[in-house]
Amino acid sequence: MAKKRILLIDDEDAFLDMVKMRLEANDYEVITANDGEAGLELARKERPDLIILDLMLPKMDGYRVCALLKKDTRYSSIPILMFTAKAQQEDMKIGEEAGANGYITKPFEPKTLLGKIHEFLKE
């Protein structure tokens, strides 16, 4: 069976490396992007099984990336998990309005992240 592919979009390299390592250790294929524009382009090109998306990104914020993907029927079925330090109700509401399927705040518990991934990928 092919590995599930996850697109991880975050502008903090150390964070990207840590999460990528953890996901690969759990048998996922991980592709990464450091800004919103690159993330959007990779999502369209690679069609991952799941996207983990930071909100505060250079070039294009996570809300916009999410909204653009969710409004396009070719990509709208890809689950998007918002991953951010912004933990206010208002931030979560904006994320939901953009079409996010879930929300995890930083710092995070690895078990929580893996649980959400399993839930969205229906594993």
C-alpha atoms as a PDB file:
ATOM      1  CA  MET A   1       0.000   0.000   0.000  1.00  0.00           C
ATOM      2  CA  ALA A   2       1.312   3.444  -0.898  1.00  0.00           C
ATOM      3  CA  LYS A   3       2.247   5.822   1.878  1.00  0.00           C
ATOM      4  CA  LYS A   4      -0.127   8.696   2.534  1.00  0.00           C
ATOM      5  CA  ARG A   5       1.377  12.004   1.442  1.00  0.00           C
ATOM      6  CA  ILE A   6       1.216  15.038   3.722  1.00  0.00           C
ATOM      7  CA  LEU A   7       2.059  18.593   2.686  1.00  0.00           C
ATOM      8  CA  LEU A   8       3.486  20.571   5.597  1.00  0.00           C
ATOM      9  CA  ILE A   9       3.529  24.366   5.139  1.00  0.00           C
ATOM     10  CA  ASP A  10       5.360  26.417   7.779  1.00  0.00           C
ATOM     11  CA  ASP A  11       7.986  29.166   7.698  1.00  0.00           C
ATOM     12  CA  GLU A  12       9.995  27.896  10.688  1.00  0.00           C
ATOM     13  CA  ASP A  13      12.650  25.475   9.420  1.00  0.00           C
ATOM     14  CA  ALA A  14      13.315  23.857  12.798  1.00  0.00           C
ATOM     15  CA  PHE A  15       9.599  23.217  13.251  1.00  0.00           C
ATOM     16  CA  LEU A  16       9.283  21.823   9.688  1.00  0.00           C
ATOM     17  CA  ASP A  17      12.187  19.453  10.271  1.00  0.00           C
ATOM     18  CA  MET A  18      10.862  18.246  13.623  1.00  0.00           C
ATOM     19  CA  VAL A  19       7.320  17.573  12.386  1.00  0.00           C
ATOM     20  CA  LYS A  20       8.565  16.030   9.128  1.00  0.00           C
ATOM     21  CA  MET A  21      10.804  13.634  11.052  1.00  0.00           C
ATOM     22  CA  ARG A  22       7.972  12.626  13.358  1.00  0.00           C
ATOM     23  CA  LEU A  23       5.553  12.041  10.470  1.00  0.00           C
ATOM     24  CA  GLU A  24       8.100  10.075   8.445  1.00  0.00           C
ATOM     25  CA  ALA A  25       8.755   7.915  11.519  1.00  0.00           C
ATOM     26  CA  ASN A  26       5.022   7.122  11.420  1.00  0.00           C
ATOM     27  CA  ASP A  27       5.253   6.005   7.784  1.00  0.00           C
ATOM     28  CA  TYR A  28       3.991   9.115   5.997  1.00  0.00           C
ATOM     29  CA  GLU A  29       5.564  10.706   2.956  1.00  0.00           C
ATOM     30  CA  VAL A  30       6.104  14.406   3.730  1.00  0.00           C
ATOM     31  CA  ILE A  31       6.614  17.308   1.357  1.00  0.00           C
ATOM     32  CA  THR A  32       7.264  20.798   2.689  1.00  0.00           C
ATOM     33  CA  ALA A  33       6.946  24.458   1.757  1.00  0.00           C
ATOM     34  CA  ASN A  34       8.213  27.566   3.592  1.00  0.00           C
ATOM     35  CA  ASP A  35       5.652  30.139   2.440  1.00  0.00           C
ATOM     36  CA  GLY A  36       2.023  30.362   1.373  1.00  0.00           C
ATOM     37  CA  GLU A  37       2.621  30.770  -2.358  1.00  0.00           C
ATOM     38  CA  ALA A  38       4.973  27.780  -2.553  1.00  0.00           C
ATOM     39  CA  GLY A  39       2.564  25.756  -0.422  1.00  0.00           C
ATOM     40  CA  LEU A  40      -0.380  26.555  -2.679  1.00  0.00           C
ATOM     41  CA  GLU A  41       1.642  25.649  -5.771  1.00  0.00           C
ATOM     42  CA  LEU A  42       2.795  22.342  -4.225  1.00  0.00           C
ATOM     43  CA  ALA A  43      -0.748  21.486  -3.117  1.00  0.00           C
ATOM     44  CA  ARG A  44      -2.007  21.952  -6.673  1.00  0.00           C
ATOM     45  CA  LYS A  45       0.886  20.047  -8.230  1.00  0.00           C
ATOM     46  CA  GLU A  46       1.243  17.165  -5.754  1.00  0.00           C
ATOM     47  CA  ARG A  47      -2.377  16.710  -4.575  1.00  0.00           C
ATOM     48  CA  PRO A  48      -1.421  15.474  -1.091  1.00  0.00           C
ATOM     49  CA  ASP A  49      -3.730  13.351   1.060  1.00  0.00           C
ATOM     50  CA  LEU A  50      -3.625  15.979   3.834  1.00  0.00           C
ATOM     51  CA  ILE A  51      -2.275  19.512   4.314  1.00  0.00           C
ATOM     52  CA  ILE A  52      -0.913  20.825   7.608  1.00  0.00           C
ATOM     53  CA  LEU A  53      -0.933  24.593   7.260  1.00  0.00           C
ATOM     54  CA  ASP A  54       0.494  27.359   9.434  1.00  0.00           C
ATOM     55  CA  LEU A  55      -1.495  30.598   9.493  1.00  0.00           C
ATOM     56  CA  MET A  56       1.228  33.209   9.693  1.00  0.00           C
ATOM     57  CA  LEU A  57       3.252  32.706   6.516  1.00  0.00           C
ATOM     58  CA  PRO A  58       5.261  34.953   4.192  1.00  0.00           C
ATOM     59  CA  LYS A  59       3.889  35.822   0.727  1.00  0.00           C
ATOM     60  CA  MET A  60       0.363  34.501   1.445  1.00  0.00           C
ATOM     61  CA  ASP A  61      -1.203  33.688   4.817  1.00  0.00           C
ATOM     62  CA  GLY A  62      -2.655  30.302   5.665  1.00  0.00           C
ATOM     63  CA  TYR A  63      -6.254  31.550   5.635  1.00  0.00           C
ATOM     64  CA  ARG A  64      -5.885  32.591   1.979  1.00  0.00           C
ATOM     65  CA  VAL A  65      -4.146  29.349   0.971  1.00  0.00           C
ATOM     66  CA  CYS A  66      -6.912  27.373   2.642  1.00  0.00           C
ATOM     67  CA  ALA A  67      -9.713  29.416   1.076  1.00  0.00           C
ATOM     68  CA  LEU A  68      -8.220  29.175  -2.424  1.00  0.00           C
ATOM     69  CA  LEU A  69      -7.882  25.396  -2.188  1.00  0.00           C
ATOM     70  CA  LYS A  70     -11.329  24.865  -0.674  1.00  0.00           C
ATOM     71  CA  LYS A  71     -13.052  27.004  -3.330  1.00  0.00           C
ATOM     72  CA  ASP A  72     -11.505  24.925  -6.127  1.00  0.00           C
ATOM     73  CA  THR A  73     -13.387  21.653  -6.687  1.00  0.00           C
ATOM     74  CA  ARG A  74     -10.175  19.926  -7.791  1.00  0.00           C
ATOM     75  CA  TYR A  75      -8.682  20.362  -4.312  1.00  0.00           C
ATOM     76  CA  SER A  76     -11.628  20.978  -1.993  1.00  0.00           C
ATOM     77  CA  SER A  77     -11.699  17.383  -0.736  1.00  0.00           C
ATOM     78  CA  ILE A  78      -8.127  17.555   0.630  1.00  0.00           C
ATOM     79  CA  PRO A  79      -8.374  17.879   4.427  1.00  0.00           C
ATOM     80  CA  ILE A  80      -6.594  20.946   5.792  1.00  0.00           C
ATOM     81  CA  LEU A  81      -5.378  21.045   9.367  1.00  0.00           C
ATOM     82  CA  MET A  82      -4.530  24.566  10.573  1.00  0.00           C
ATOM     83  CA  PHE A  83      -1.446  24.520  12.771  1.00  0.00           C
ATOM     84  CA  THR A  84      -0.684  27.754  14.584  1.00  0.00           C
ATOM     85  CA  ALA A  85       0.298  29.609  17.724  1.00  0.00           C
ATOM     86  CA  LYS A  86      -2.856  31.759  17.300  1.00  0.00           C
ATOM     87  CA  ALA A  87      -5.270  30.134  19.725  1.00  0.00           C
ATOM     88  CA  GLN A  88      -8.022  32.756  19.975  1.00  0.00           C
ATOM     89  CA  GLN A  89     -11.638  31.823  19.196  1.00  0.00           C
ATOM     90  CA  GLU A  90     -11.667  34.483  16.477  1.00  0.00           C
ATOM     91  CA  ASP A  91      -8.686  32.856  14.738  1.00  0.00           C
ATOM     92  CA  MET A  92     -10.405  29.470  14.825  1.00  0.00           C
ATOM     93  CA  LYS A  93     -13.611  31.007  13.462  1.00  0.00           C
ATOM     94  CA  ILE A  94     -11.741  32.607  10.536  1.00  0.00           C
ATOM     95  CA  GLY A  95     -10.036  29.259   9.872  1.00  0.00           C
ATOM     96  CA  GLU A  96     -13.394  27.476   9.787  1.00  0.00           C
ATOM     97  CA  GLU A  97     -14.793  30.121   7.437  1.00  0.00           C
ATOM     98  CA  ALA A  98     -11.792  29.595   5.119  1.00  0.00           C
ATOM     99  CA  GLY A  99     -12.693  25.893   5.044  1.00  0.00           C
ATOM    100  CA  ALA A 100     -10.196  24.349   7.470  1.00  0.00           C
ATOM    101  CA  ASN A 101     -11.149  20.860   8.613  1.00  0.00           C
ATOM    102  CA  GLY A 102      -9.335  21.086  11.941  1.00  0.00           C
ATOM    103  CA  TYR A 103      -7.168  23.213  14.172  1.00  0.00           C
ATOM    104  CA  ILE A 104      -4.155  22.404  16.351  1.00  0.00           C
ATOM    105  CA  THR A 105      -2.313  25.021  18.367  1.00  0.00           C
ATOM    106  CA  LYS A 106       1.445  25.257  18.948  1.00  0.00           C
ATOM    107  CA  PRO A 107       3.034  24.052  21.092  1.00  0.00           C
ATOM    108  CA  PHE A 108       1.379  20.717  20.361  1.00  0.00           C
ATOM    109  CA  GLU A 109       1.292  17.180  21.650  1.00  0.00           C
ATOM    110  CA  PRO A 110       2.592  14.752  18.996  1.00  0.00           C
ATOM    111  CA  LYS A 111      -0.143  12.245  19.929  1.00  0.00           C
ATOM    112  CA  THR A 112      -2.787  14.913  19.294  1.00  0.00           C
ATOM    113  CA  LEU A 113      -1.358  15.679  15.857  1.00  0.00           C
ATOM    114  CA  LEU A 114      -1.112  12.005  14.892  1.00  0.00           C
ATOM    115  CA  GLY A 115      -4.648  11.413  16.172  1.00  0.00           C
ATOM    116  CA  LYS A 116      -6.000  14.224  13.977  1.00  0.00           C
ATOM    117  CA  ILE A 117      -4.079  12.896  10.974  1.00  0.00           C
ATOM    118  CA  HIS A 118      -5.513   9.392  11.478  1.00  0.00           C
ATOM    119  CA  GLU A 119      -8.981  10.891  11.835  1.00  0.00           C
ATOM    120  CA  PHE A 120      -8.751  12.908   8.606  1.00  0.00           C
ATOM    121  CA  LEU A 121      -7.107  10.149   6.586  1.00  0.00           C
ATOM    122  CA  LYS A 122      -9.599   7.619   8.009  1.00  0.00           C
ATOM    123  CA  GLU A 123      -6.872   5.162   8.944  1.00  0.00           C
END
